[in-house]
């Protein structure tokens, strides 16, 4: 899905142009599948690629509310330190969300 007028991470070392280009690319090869990123065809993918320090408690609580309301949704986050990821998953569990839904 192409979503116009949205912000995309701009660190060229993390560039995944093949994710948002239409079809396969001579430069980047075949377009990756949802499964390669840990999603099924039925998953609703929500994403936030901000740094960990930008995820405020109120926003995280709101995201968990969305995940509770949309059972097929998963939240795709930028990779953090293991401690940071563990803390987010612990908090998700405290808020009644399966930590596995944070990808």
PDB file of N, CA and C in Angstrom:
ATOM      1  N   UNK A   1       0.849  -1.173   0.000  1.00  0.00           N
ATOM      2  CA  UNK A   1       0.000   0.000   0.000  1.00  0.00           C
ATOM      3  C   UNK A   1       0.889   1.228   0.000  1.00  0.00           C
ATOM      4  N   UNK A   2       0.644   2.146  -0.891  1.00  0.00           N
ATOM      5  CA  UNK A   2       1.349   3.423  -0.937  1.00  0.00           C
ATOM      6  C   UNK A   2       0.513   4.446  -0.168  1.00  0.00           C
ATOM      7  N   UNK A   3       1.131   5.078   0.825  1.00  0.00           N
ATOM      8  CA  UNK A   3       0.427   6.075   1.629  1.00  0.00           C
ATOM      9  C   UNK A   3       1.083   7.427   1.368  1.00  0.00           C
ATOM     10  N   UNK A   4       0.444   8.279   0.549  1.00  0.00           N
ATOM     11  CA  UNK A   4       1.053   9.568   0.226  1.00  0.00           C
ATOM     12  C   UNK A   4       1.094  10.497   1.436  1.00  0.00           C
ATOM     13  N   UNK A   5       1.995  11.453   1.371  1.00  0.00           N
ATOM     14  CA  UNK A   5       2.121  12.482   2.397  1.00  0.00           C
ATOM     15  C   UNK A   5       2.424  11.915   3.777  1.00  0.00           C
ATOM     16  N   UNK A   6       3.261  10.874   3.831  1.00  0.00           N
ATOM     17  CA  UNK A   6       3.667  10.306   5.108  1.00  0.00           C
ATOM     18  C   UNK A   6       5.173  10.422   5.250  1.00  0.00           C
ATOM     19  N   UNK A   7       5.647  10.343   6.467  1.00  0.00           N
ATOM     20  CA  UNK A   7       7.070  10.426   6.744  1.00  0.00           C
ATOM     21  C   UNK A   7       7.658   9.032   6.761  1.00  0.00           C
ATOM     22  N   UNK A   8       8.783   8.865   6.108  1.00  0.00           N
ATOM     23  CA  UNK A   8       9.482   7.588   6.088  1.00  0.00           C
ATOM     24  C   UNK A   8      10.866   7.806   6.679  1.00  0.00           C
ATOM     25  N   UNK A   9      11.353   6.848   7.441  1.00  0.00           N
ATOM     26  CA  UNK A   9      12.687   6.993   8.022  1.00  0.00           C
ATOM     27  C   UNK A   9      13.667   7.386   6.939  1.00  0.00           C
ATOM     28  N   UNK A  10      14.618   8.243   7.286  1.00  0.00           N
ATOM     29  CA  UNK A  10      15.503   8.756   6.264  1.00  0.00           C
ATOM     30  C   UNK A  10      16.963   8.431   6.490  1.00  0.00           C
ATOM     31  N   UNK A  11      17.257   7.452   7.280  1.00  0.00           N
ATOM     32  CA  UNK A  11      18.625   7.006   7.462  1.00  0.00           C
ATOM     33  C   UNK A  11      18.948   6.075   6.299  1.00  0.00           C
ATOM     34  N   UNK A  12      19.808   6.515   5.395  1.00  0.00           N
ATOM     35  CA  UNK A  12      20.088   5.727   4.194  1.00  0.00           C
ATOM     36  C   UNK A  12      20.609   4.328   4.517  1.00  0.00           C
ATOM     37  N   UNK A  13      21.221   4.136   5.690  1.00  0.00           N
ATOM     38  CA  UNK A  13      21.724   2.814   6.060  1.00  0.00           C
ATOM     39  C   UNK A  13      20.585   1.863   6.415  1.00  0.00           C
ATOM     40  N   UNK A  14      19.407   2.411   6.736  1.00  0.00           N
ATOM     41  CA  UNK A  14      18.250   1.584   7.066  1.00  0.00           C
ATOM     42  C   UNK A  14      17.223   1.582   5.935  1.00  0.00           C
ATOM     43  N   UNK A  15      17.597   2.131   4.788  1.00  0.00           N
ATOM     44  CA  UNK A  15      16.666   2.277   3.681  1.00  0.00           C
ATOM     45  C   UNK A  15      16.131   0.932   3.215  1.00  0.00           C
ATOM     46  N   UNK A  16      14.833   0.864   3.050  1.00  0.00           N
ATOM     47  CA  UNK A  16      14.171  -0.340   2.530  1.00  0.00           C
ATOM     48  C   UNK A  16      13.260   0.083   1.396  1.00  0.00           C
ATOM     49  N   UNK A  17      13.842   0.725   0.379  1.00  0.00           N
ATOM     50  CA  UNK A  17      13.064   1.234  -0.732  1.00  0.00           C
ATOM     51  C   UNK A  17      12.198   0.147  -1.362  1.00  0.00           C
ATOM     52  N   UNK A  18      12.688  -1.091  -1.350  1.00  0.00           N
ATOM     53  CA  UNK A  18      11.927  -2.176  -1.970  1.00  0.00           C
ATOM     54  C   UNK A  18      10.604  -2.436  -1.259  1.00  0.00           C
ATOM     55  N   UNK A  19      10.463  -1.961  -0.030  1.00  0.00           N
ATOM     56  CA  UNK A  19       9.215  -2.156   0.701  1.00  0.00           C
ATOM     57  C   UNK A  19       8.112  -1.285   0.120  1.00  0.00           C
ATOM     58  N   UNK A  20       8.454  -0.074  -0.297  1.00  0.00           N
ATOM     59  CA  UNK A  20       7.406   0.819  -0.764  1.00  0.00           C
ATOM     60  C   UNK A  20       7.366   1.005  -2.280  1.00  0.00           C
ATOM     61  N   UNK A  21       8.331   0.449  -3.027  1.00  0.00           N
ATOM     62  CA  UNK A  21       8.259   0.514  -4.485  1.00  0.00           C
ATOM     63  C   UNK A  21       7.259  -0.511  -4.988  1.00  0.00           C
ATOM     64  N   UNK A  22       6.646  -0.219  -6.092  1.00  0.00           N
ATOM     65  CA  UNK A  22       5.708  -1.152  -6.705  1.00  0.00           C
ATOM     66  C   UNK A  22       6.467  -2.300  -7.367  1.00  0.00           C
ATOM     67  N   UNK A  23       6.103  -3.528  -7.075  1.00  0.00           N
ATOM     68  CA  UNK A  23       6.659  -4.697  -7.751  1.00  0.00           C
ATOM     69  C   UNK A  23       8.123  -4.936  -7.453  1.00  0.00           C
ATOM     70  N   UNK A  24       8.702  -5.872  -8.204  1.00  0.00           N
ATOM     71  CA  UNK A  24      10.111  -6.211  -8.041  1.00  0.00           C
ATOM     72  C   UNK A  24      10.976  -5.119  -8.665  1.00  0.00           C
ATOM     73  N   UNK A  25      12.216  -5.050  -8.225  1.00  0.00           N
ATOM     74  CA  UNK A  25      13.114  -4.005  -8.686  1.00  0.00           C
ATOM     75  C   UNK A  25      14.415  -4.632  -9.181  1.00  0.00           C
ATOM     76  N   UNK A  26      14.937  -4.116 -10.282  1.00  0.00           N
ATOM     77  CA  UNK A  26      16.231  -4.577 -10.774  1.00  0.00           C
ATOM     78  C   UNK A  26      17.334  -4.265  -9.777  1.00  0.00           C
ATOM     79  N   UNK A  27      17.213  -3.137  -9.084  1.00  0.00           N
ATOM     80  CA  UNK A  27      18.239  -2.718  -8.125  1.00  0.00           C
ATOM     81  C   UNK A  27      18.141  -3.434  -6.791  1.00  0.00           C
ATOM     82  N   UNK A  28      16.923  -3.760  -6.359  1.00  0.00           N
ATOM     83  CA  UNK A  28      16.724  -4.289  -5.008  1.00  0.00           C
ATOM     84  C   UNK A  28      16.208  -5.722  -4.984  1.00  0.00           C
ATOM     85  N   UNK A  29      15.941  -6.300  -6.131  1.00  0.00           N
ATOM     86  CA  UNK A  29      15.448  -7.668  -6.175  1.00  0.00           C
ATOM     87  C   UNK A  29      13.965  -7.741  -5.902  1.00  0.00           C
ATOM     88  N   UNK A  30      13.489  -8.946  -5.564  1.00  0.00           N
ATOM     89  CA  UNK A  30      12.048  -9.117  -5.359  1.00  0.00           C
ATOM     90  C   UNK A  30      11.561  -8.379  -4.118  1.00  0.00           C
ATOM     91  N   UNK A  31      10.341  -7.910  -4.207  1.00  0.00           N
ATOM     92  CA  UNK A  31       9.720  -7.230  -3.079  1.00  0.00           C
ATOM     93  C   UNK A  31       9.563  -8.237  -1.936  1.00  0.00           C
ATOM     94  N   UNK A  32       9.959  -7.865  -0.701  1.00  0.00           N
ATOM     95  CA  UNK A  32       9.830  -8.803   0.416  1.00  0.00           C
ATOM     96  C   UNK A  32       8.366  -9.086   0.733  1.00  0.00           C
ATOM     97  N   UNK A  33       8.135 -10.241   1.312  1.00  0.00           N
ATOM     98  CA  UNK A  33       6.774 -10.616   1.685  1.00  0.00           C
ATOM     99  C   UNK A  33       6.486 -10.171   3.116  1.00  0.00           C
ATOM    100  N   UNK A  34       5.221 -10.135   3.454  1.00  0.00           N
ATOM    101  CA  UNK A  34       4.818  -9.815   4.823  1.00  0.00           C
ATOM    102  C   UNK A  34       5.416 -10.835   5.801  1.00  0.00           C
ATOM    103  N   UNK A  35       5.473 -12.085   5.380  1.00  0.00           N
ATOM    104  CA  UNK A  35       5.994 -13.147   6.243  1.00  0.00           C
ATOM    105  C   UNK A  35       7.466 -12.922   6.596  1.00  0.00           C
ATOM    106  N   UNK A  36       8.227 -12.359   5.666  1.00  0.00           N
ATOM    107  CA  UNK A  36       9.645 -12.086   5.938  1.00  0.00           C
ATOM    108  C   UNK A  36       9.817 -11.088   7.083  1.00  0.00           C
ATOM    109  N   UNK A  37       8.807 -10.271   7.326  1.00  0.00           N
ATOM    110  CA  UNK A  37       8.859  -9.297   8.406  1.00  0.00           C
ATOM    111  C   UNK A  37       8.080  -9.761   9.634  1.00  0.00           C
ATOM    112  N   UNK A  38       7.586 -10.999   9.617  1.00  0.00           N
ATOM    113  CA  UNK A  38       6.899 -11.546  10.783  1.00  0.00           C
ATOM    114  C   UNK A  38       5.406 -11.317  10.815  1.00  0.00           C
ATOM    115  N   UNK A  39       4.798 -11.042   9.650  1.00  0.00           N
ATOM    116  CA  UNK A  39       3.361 -10.786   9.586  1.00  0.00           C
ATOM    117  C   UNK A  39       2.662 -11.833   8.727  1.00  0.00           C
ATOM    118  N   UNK A  40       1.378 -12.042   9.000  1.00  0.00           N
ATOM    119  CA  UNK A  40       0.566 -12.897   8.148  1.00  0.00           C
ATOM    120  C   UNK A  40      -0.202 -12.016   7.168  1.00  0.00           C
ATOM    121  N   UNK A  41      -0.852 -12.632   6.212  1.00  0.00           N
ATOM    122  CA  UNK A  41      -1.643 -11.870   5.241  1.00  0.00           C
ATOM    123  C   UNK A  41      -2.830 -11.171   5.903  1.00  0.00           C
ATOM    124  N   UNK A  42      -3.299 -11.693   7.043  1.00  0.00           N
ATOM    125  CA  UNK A  42      -4.467 -11.137   7.728  1.00  0.00           C
ATOM    126  C   UNK A  42      -4.126 -10.077   8.767  1.00  0.00           C
ATOM    127  N   UNK A  43      -2.843  -9.904   9.090  1.00  0.00           N
ATOM    128  CA  UNK A  43      -2.463  -8.932  10.115  1.00  0.00           C
ATOM    129  C   UNK A  43      -2.736  -7.499   9.658  1.00  0.00           C
ATOM    130  N   UNK A  44      -3.179  -6.695  10.602  1.00  0.00           N
ATOM    131  CA  UNK A  44      -3.264  -5.251  10.401  1.00  0.00           C
ATOM    132  C   UNK A  44      -1.963  -4.706  10.988  1.00  0.00           C
ATOM    133  N   UNK A  45      -1.175  -4.051  10.155  1.00  0.00           N
ATOM    134  CA  UNK A  45       0.149  -3.606  10.588  1.00  0.00           C
ATOM    135  C   UNK A  45       0.112  -2.125  10.940  1.00  0.00           C
ATOM    136  N   UNK A  46       0.414  -1.845  12.208  1.00  0.00           N
ATOM    137  CA  UNK A  46       0.583  -0.476  12.687  1.00  0.00           C
ATOM    138  C   UNK A  46       2.084  -0.303  12.894  1.00  0.00           C
ATOM    139  N   UNK A  47       2.613   0.866  12.647  1.00  0.00           N
ATOM    140  CA  UNK A  47       4.064   0.998  12.785  1.00  0.00           C
ATOM    141  C   UNK A  47       4.463   2.334  13.387  1.00  0.00           C
ATOM    142  N   UNK A  48       5.607   2.290  14.056  1.00  0.00           N
ATOM    143  CA  UNK A  48       6.246   3.490  14.577  1.00  0.00           C
ATOM    144  C   UNK A  48       7.743   3.223  14.542  1.00  0.00           C
ATOM    145  N   UNK A  49       8.462   4.057  13.800  1.00  0.00           N
ATOM    146  CA  UNK A  49       9.904   3.866  13.683  1.00  0.00           C
ATOM    147  C   UNK A  49      10.674   4.985  14.378  1.00  0.00           C
ATOM    148  N   UNK A  50      10.076   5.539  15.440  1.00  0.00           N
ATOM    149  CA  UNK A  50      10.761   6.530  16.264  1.00  0.00           C
ATOM    150  C   UNK A  50      11.735   5.837  17.197  1.00  0.00           C
ATOM    151  N   UNK A  51      12.665   6.607  17.709  1.00  0.00           N
ATOM    152  CA  UNK A  51      13.586   6.102  18.718  1.00  0.00           C
ATOM    153  C   UNK A  51      12.822   5.831  20.016  1.00  0.00           C
ATOM    154  N   UNK A  52      13.357   4.970  20.834  1.00  0.00           N
ATOM    155  CA  UNK A  52      12.698   4.555  22.073  1.00  0.00           C
ATOM    156  C   UNK A  52      12.376   5.739  22.983  1.00  0.00           C
ATOM    157  N   UNK A  53      13.275   6.695  23.088  1.00  0.00           N
ATOM    158  CA  UNK A  53      13.051   7.815  24.005  1.00  0.00           C
ATOM    159  C   UNK A  53      11.865   8.687  23.593  1.00  0.00           C
ATOM    160  N   UNK A  54      11.394   8.549  22.361  1.00  0.00           N
ATOM    161  CA  UNK A  54      10.256   9.334  21.904  1.00  0.00           C
ATOM    162  C   UNK A  54       8.908   8.669  22.199  1.00  0.00           C
ATOM    163  N   UNK A  55       8.931   7.432  22.679  1.00  0.00           N
ATOM    164  CA  UNK A  55       7.689   6.716  22.973  1.00  0.00           C
ATOM    165  C   UNK A  55       7.273   7.056  24.405  1.00  0.00           C
ATOM    166  N   UNK A  56       6.353   7.983  24.529  1.00  0.00           N
ATOM    167  CA  UNK A  56       5.898   8.420  25.844  1.00  0.00           C
ATOM    168  C   UNK A  56       4.819   7.472  26.371  1.00  0.00           C
ATOM    169  N   UNK A  57       4.695   7.360  27.692  1.00  0.00           N
ATOM    170  CA  UNK A  57       3.715   6.436  28.278  1.00  0.00           C
ATOM    171  C   UNK A  57       2.290   6.624  27.780  1.00  0.00           C
ATOM    172  N   UNK A  58       1.839   7.862  27.647  1.00  0.00           N
ATOM    173  CA  UNK A  58       0.471   8.096  27.178  1.00  0.00           C
ATOM    174  C   UNK A  58       0.262   7.571  25.764  1.00  0.00           C
ATOM    175  N   UNK A  59       1.254   7.763  24.921  1.00  0.00           N
ATOM    176  CA  UNK A  59       1.162   7.280  23.539  1.00  0.00           C
ATOM    177  C   UNK A  59       1.180   5.752  23.523  1.00  0.00           C
ATOM    178  N   UNK A  60       2.057   5.156  24.309  1.00  0.00           N
ATOM    179  CA  UNK A  60       2.137   3.697  24.366  1.00  0.00           C
ATOM    180  C   UNK A  60       0.816   3.108  24.863  1.00  0.00           C
ATOM    181  N   UNK A  61       0.216   3.731  25.866  1.00  0.00           N
ATOM    182  CA  UNK A  61      -1.087   3.274  26.364  1.00  0.00           C
ATOM    183  C   UNK A  61      -2.150   3.369  25.266  1.00  0.00           C
ATOM    184  N   UNK A  62      -2.104   4.431  24.492  1.00  0.00           N
ATOM    185  CA  UNK A  62      -3.061   4.578  23.389  1.00  0.00           C
ATOM    186  C   UNK A  62      -2.860   3.469  22.360  1.00  0.00           C
ATOM    187  N   UNK A  63      -1.617   3.162  22.035  1.00  0.00           N
ATOM    188  CA  UNK A  63      -1.349   2.073  21.087  1.00  0.00           C
ATOM    189  C   UNK A  63      -1.878   0.746  21.615  1.00  0.00           C
ATOM    190  N   UNK A  64      -1.683   0.506  22.910  1.00  0.00           N
ATOM    191  CA  UNK A  64      -2.162  -0.758  23.477  1.00  0.00           C
ATOM    192  C   UNK A  64      -3.688  -0.816  23.425  1.00  0.00           C
ATOM    193  N   UNK A  65      -4.345   0.340  23.595  1.00  0.00           N
ATOM    194  CA  UNK A  65      -5.800   0.388  23.451  1.00  0.00           C
ATOM    195  C   UNK A  65      -6.233   0.023  22.040  1.00  0.00           C
ATOM    196  N   UNK A  66      -5.482   0.490  21.048  1.00  0.00           N
ATOM    197  CA  UNK A  66      -5.794   0.139  19.652  1.00  0.00           C
ATOM    198  C   UNK A  66      -5.587  -1.355  19.446  1.00  0.00           C
ATOM    199  N   UNK A  67      -4.501  -1.903  19.955  1.00  0.00           N
ATOM    200  CA  UNK A  67      -4.254  -3.337  19.803  1.00  0.00           C
ATOM    201  C   UNK A  67      -5.344  -4.167  20.483  1.00  0.00           C
ATOM    202  N   UNK A  68      -5.835  -3.704  21.615  1.00  0.00           N
ATOM    203  CA  UNK A  68      -6.921  -4.417  22.279  1.00  0.00           C
ATOM    204  C   UNK A  68      -8.202  -4.360  21.463  1.00  0.00           C
ATOM    205  N   UNK A  69      -8.434  -3.248  20.790  1.00  0.00           N
ATOM    206  CA  UNK A  69      -9.658  -3.066  20.008  1.00  0.00           C
ATOM    207  C   UNK A  69      -9.596  -3.746  18.643  1.00  0.00           C
ATOM    208  N   UNK A  70      -8.380  -3.996  18.143  1.00  0.00           N
ATOM    209  CA  UNK A  70      -8.197  -4.601  16.815  1.00  0.00           C
ATOM    210  C   UNK A  70      -7.377  -5.881  16.987  1.00  0.00           C
ATOM    211  N   UNK A  71      -8.052  -7.012  17.193  1.00  0.00           N
ATOM    212  CA  UNK A  71      -7.344  -8.261  17.517  1.00  0.00           C
ATOM    213  C   UNK A  71      -6.311  -8.715  16.487  1.00  0.00           C
ATOM    214  N   UNK A  72      -6.473  -8.344  15.224  1.00  0.00           N
ATOM    215  CA  UNK A  72      -5.519  -8.777  14.184  1.00  0.00           C
ATOM    216  C   UNK A  72      -4.342  -7.812  14.036  1.00  0.00           C
ATOM    217  N   UNK A  73      -4.325  -6.735  14.818  1.00  0.00           N
ATOM    218  CA  UNK A  73      -3.276  -5.725  14.668  1.00  0.00           C
ATOM    219  C   UNK A  73      -1.997  -6.128  15.386  1.00  0.00           C
ATOM    220  N   UNK A  74      -0.874  -5.732  14.774  1.00  0.00           N
ATOM    221  CA  UNK A  74       0.447  -5.857  15.383  1.00  0.00           C
ATOM    222  C   UNK A  74       1.135  -4.505  15.254  1.00  0.00           C
ATOM    223  N   UNK A  75       1.976  -4.186  16.232  1.00  0.00           N
ATOM    224  CA  UNK A  75       2.699  -2.918  16.230  1.00  0.00           C
ATOM    225  C   UNK A  75       4.152  -3.185  15.842  1.00  0.00           C
ATOM    226  N   UNK A  76       4.552  -2.662  14.692  1.00  0.00           N
ATOM    227  CA  UNK A  76       5.901  -2.844  14.158  1.00  0.00           C
ATOM    228  C   UNK A  76       6.746  -1.677  14.617  1.00  0.00           C
ATOM    229  N   UNK A  77       7.779  -1.957  15.401  1.00  0.00           N
ATOM    230  CA  UNK A  77       8.628  -0.920  15.973  1.00  0.00           C
ATOM    231  C   UNK A  77      10.050  -1.031  15.455  1.00  0.00           C
ATOM    232  N   UNK A  78      10.765   0.083  15.515  1.00  0.00           N
ATOM    233  CA  UNK A  78      12.188   0.096  15.236  1.00  0.00           C
ATOM    234  C   UNK A  78      12.865  -0.797  16.270  1.00  0.00           C
ATOM    235  N   UNK A  79      13.927  -1.482  15.879  1.00  0.00           N
ATOM    236  CA  UNK A  79      14.649  -2.329  16.838  1.00  0.00           C
ATOM    237  C   UNK A  79      15.342  -1.462  17.882  1.00  0.00           C
ATOM    238  N   UNK A  80      15.264  -1.909  19.143  1.00  0.00           N
ATOM    239  CA  UNK A  80      15.893  -1.205  20.240  1.00  0.00           C
ATOM    240  C   UNK A  80      16.877  -2.134  20.924  1.00  0.00           C
ATOM    241  N   UNK A  81      17.490  -1.649  21.997  1.00  0.00           N
ATOM    242  CA  UNK A  81      18.322  -2.535  22.809  1.00  0.00           C
ATOM    243  C   UNK A  81      17.434  -3.631  23.380  1.00  0.00           C
ATOM    244  N   UNK A  82      18.015  -4.741  23.752  1.00  0.00           N
ATOM    245  CA  UNK A  82      17.231  -5.842  24.310  1.00  0.00           C
ATOM    246  C   UNK A  82      16.477  -5.395  25.554  1.00  0.00           C
ATOM    247  N   UNK A  83      17.122  -4.604  26.406  1.00  0.00           N
ATOM    248  CA  UNK A  83      16.455  -4.115  27.616  1.00  0.00           C
ATOM    249  C   UNK A  83      15.251  -3.255  27.257  1.00  0.00           C
ATOM    250  N   UNK A  84      15.388  -2.397  26.254  1.00  0.00           N
ATOM    251  CA  UNK A  84      14.277  -1.552  25.830  1.00  0.00           C
ATOM    252  C   UNK A  84      13.121  -2.380  25.299  1.00  0.00           C
ATOM    253  N   UNK A  85      13.426  -3.374  24.464  1.00  0.00           N
ATOM    254  CA  UNK A  85      12.378  -4.242  23.922  1.00  0.00           C
ATOM    255  C   UNK A  85      11.698  -5.035  25.035  1.00  0.00           C
ATOM    256  N   UNK A  86      12.495  -5.548  25.973  1.00  0.00           N
ATOM    257  CA  UNK A  86      11.923  -6.304  27.099  1.00  0.00           C
ATOM    258  C   UNK A  86      10.976  -5.425  27.918  1.00  0.00           C
ATOM    259  N   UNK A  87      11.380  -4.177  28.160  1.00  0.00           N
ATOM    260  CA  UNK A  87      10.539  -3.272  28.950  1.00  0.00           C
ATOM    261  C   UNK A  87       9.222  -2.966  28.239  1.00  0.00           C
ATOM    262  N   UNK A  88       9.266  -2.747  26.927  1.00  0.00           N
ATOM    263  CA  UNK A  88       8.025  -2.494  26.192  1.00  0.00           C
ATOM    264  C   UNK A  88       7.110  -3.718  26.239  1.00  0.00           C
ATOM    265  N   UNK A  89       7.683  -4.896  26.083  1.00  0.00           N
ATOM    266  CA  UNK A  89       6.866  -6.122  26.113  1.00  0.00           C
ATOM    267  C   UNK A  89       6.264  -6.363  27.508  1.00  0.00           C
ATOM    268  N   UNK A  90       7.042  -6.082  28.551  1.00  0.00           N
ATOM    269  CA  UNK A  90       6.510  -6.212  29.919  1.00  0.00           C
ATOM    270  C   UNK A  90       5.336  -5.267  30.128  1.00  0.00           C
ATOM    271  N   UNK A  91       5.486  -4.042  29.654  1.00  0.00           N
ATOM    272  CA  UNK A  91       4.422  -3.056  29.820  1.00  0.00           C
ATOM    273  C   UNK A  91       3.195  -3.456  29.010  1.00  0.00           C
ATOM    274  N   UNK A  92       3.402  -3.966  27.805  1.00  0.00           N
ATOM    275  CA  UNK A  92       2.271  -4.427  26.985  1.00  0.00           C
ATOM    276  C   UNK A  92       1.507  -5.519  27.730  1.00  0.00           C
ATOM    277  N   UNK A  93       2.237  -6.455  28.306  1.00  0.00           N
ATOM    278  CA  UNK A  93       1.591  -7.552  29.052  1.00  0.00           C
ATOM    279  C   UNK A  93       0.802  -7.006  30.236  1.00  0.00           C
ATOM    280  N   UNK A  94       1.370  -6.037  30.960  1.00  0.00           N
ATOM    281  CA  UNK A  94       0.657  -5.415  32.087  1.00  0.00           C
ATOM    282  C   UNK A  94      -0.644  -4.770  31.632  1.00  0.00           C
ATOM    283  N   UNK A  95      -0.644  -4.288  30.391  1.00  0.00           N
ATOM    284  CA  UNK A  95      -1.829  -3.599  29.858  1.00  0.00           C
ATOM    285  C   UNK A  95      -2.757  -4.569  29.116  1.00  0.00           C
ATOM    286  N   UNK A  96      -2.502  -5.864  29.236  1.00  0.00           N
ATOM    287  CA  UNK A  96      -3.404  -6.864  28.660  1.00  0.00           C
ATOM    288  C   UNK A  96      -3.206  -7.157  27.197  1.00  0.00           C
ATOM    289  N   UNK A  97      -2.022  -6.841  26.662  1.00  0.00           N
ATOM    290  CA  UNK A  97      -1.734  -7.108  25.254  1.00  0.00           C
ATOM    291  C   UNK A  97      -0.629  -8.167  25.160  1.00  0.00           C
ATOM    292  N   UNK A  98      -0.829  -9.159  24.321  1.00  0.00           N
ATOM    293  CA  UNK A  98       0.174 -10.191  24.103  1.00  0.00           C
ATOM    294  C   UNK A  98       1.467  -9.520  23.609  1.00  0.00           C
ATOM    295  N   UNK A  99       2.567  -9.662  24.336  1.00  0.00           N
ATOM    296  CA  UNK A  99       3.827  -9.013  23.933  1.00  0.00           C
ATOM    297  C   UNK A  99       4.311  -9.425  22.543  1.00  0.00           C
ATOM    298  N   UNK A 100       3.898 -10.571  22.062  1.00  0.00           N
ATOM    299  CA  UNK A 100       4.298 -11.042  20.728  1.00  0.00           C
ATOM    300  C   UNK A 100       3.715 -10.157  19.620  1.00  0.00           C
ATOM    301  N   UNK A 101       2.743  -9.320  19.964  1.00  0.00           N
ATOM    302  CA  UNK A 101       2.150  -8.428  18.957  1.00  0.00           C
ATOM    303  C   UNK A 101       2.985  -7.181  18.729  1.00  0.00           C
ATOM    304  N   UNK A 102       4.062  -7.020  19.493  1.00  0.00           N
ATOM    305  CA  UNK A 102       5.049  -5.965  19.248  1.00  0.00           C
ATOM    306  C   UNK A 102       6.167  -6.602  18.437  1.00  0.00           C
ATOM    307  N   UNK A 103       6.286  -6.201  17.197  1.00  0.00           N
ATOM    308  CA  UNK A 103       7.228  -6.830  16.272  1.00  0.00           C
ATOM    309  C   UNK A 103       8.429  -5.914  16.066  1.00  0.00           C
TER     310      UNK A 103
END
